Protein backbone atom coordinates (compact mmCIF):
# COMPACT_ATOMS: atom_id res chain seq x y z
CA MET A 1 116.49 96.47 123.68
CA ARG A 2 118.60 93.43 124.38
CA GLU A 3 119.14 90.91 121.60
CA GLU A 4 117.56 88.02 123.55
CA SER A 5 114.26 89.85 123.93
CA LYS A 6 114.04 90.62 120.17
CA LYS A 7 114.31 86.98 119.15
CA GLY A 8 111.48 85.99 116.83
CA LYS A 9 110.20 89.55 116.40
CA MET A 10 110.48 91.83 113.39
CA THR A 11 110.00 95.52 112.82
CA VAL A 12 107.10 96.97 110.86
CA ALA A 13 109.52 97.79 108.03
CA GLU A 14 110.79 94.21 107.94
CA ALA A 15 107.24 92.84 107.90
CA GLY A 16 106.27 95.21 105.08
CA ARG A 17 109.31 94.27 103.03
CA LYS A 18 108.64 90.57 103.56
CA GLY A 19 104.98 90.97 102.59
CA GLY A 20 105.88 93.01 99.52
CA LYS A 21 108.34 90.39 98.32
CA LYS A 22 105.78 87.64 98.84
CA THR A 23 103.12 89.57 96.92
CA ALA A 24 105.56 90.26 94.09
CA SER A 25 106.54 86.61 93.82
CA THR A 26 102.92 85.44 93.99
CA HIS A 27 101.30 87.92 91.60
CA GLY A 28 104.10 89.12 89.33
CA LYS A 29 104.73 92.30 87.37
CA GLU A 30 101.33 92.31 85.64
CA PHE A 31 99.55 92.65 88.99
CA TYR A 32 101.38 95.89 89.78
CA GLU A 33 100.82 97.21 86.25
CA GLU A 34 97.08 96.57 86.55
CA ILE A 35 96.63 98.19 89.96
CA GLY A 36 98.72 101.16 88.81
CA ARG A 37 96.58 101.58 85.70
CA LYS A 38 93.36 101.37 87.74
CA GLY A 39 94.67 103.92 90.24
CA GLY A 40 95.74 106.29 87.48
CA GLU A 41 92.33 106.06 85.80
CA LYS A 42 90.56 106.73 89.09
CA ILE A 43 92.68 109.83 89.84
CA SER A 44 92.31 111.05 86.26
CA ALA A 45 88.52 110.77 86.44
CA LYS A 46 88.43 112.45 89.85
CA ARG A 47 90.87 115.32 89.28
CA GLY A 48 91.03 115.76 85.50
CA PRO A 49 93.90 116.59 83.14
CA GLU A 50 94.66 119.87 84.91
CA PHE A 51 95.96 117.89 87.90
CA TYR A 52 98.55 116.09 85.78
CA SER A 53 99.54 119.32 84.07
CA GLU A 54 100.09 120.99 87.43
CA ILE A 55 102.16 118.19 88.97
CA GLY A 56 104.15 117.90 85.73
CA SER A 57 105.00 121.58 85.88
CA LYS A 58 106.02 121.31 89.54
CA GLY A 59 108.22 118.32 88.81
CA GLY A 60 109.81 120.04 85.83
CA SER A 61 110.59 123.20 87.77
CA GLN A 62 112.13 121.20 90.64
CA ARG A 63 114.24 119.23 88.17
CA ALA A 64 115.42 122.45 86.49
CA LYS A 65 116.56 123.78 89.88
CA GLN A 66 118.76 120.71 90.35
CA HIS A 67 120.69 121.40 87.13
């Protein structure tokens, strides 16, 4: 695509990055901590402790392979 025809347009990635930065500057660190906590509680209630045990084991075994 020629440069003249792209003027004033942005990619999806650029738009996402711009929106993420705006959200971060508007809401701050606490906002992300809160939504992360809520999401973790929801998954924990839905899948139970076995889910976290399983993904922890998978992560540990992958990490061991790297070293």
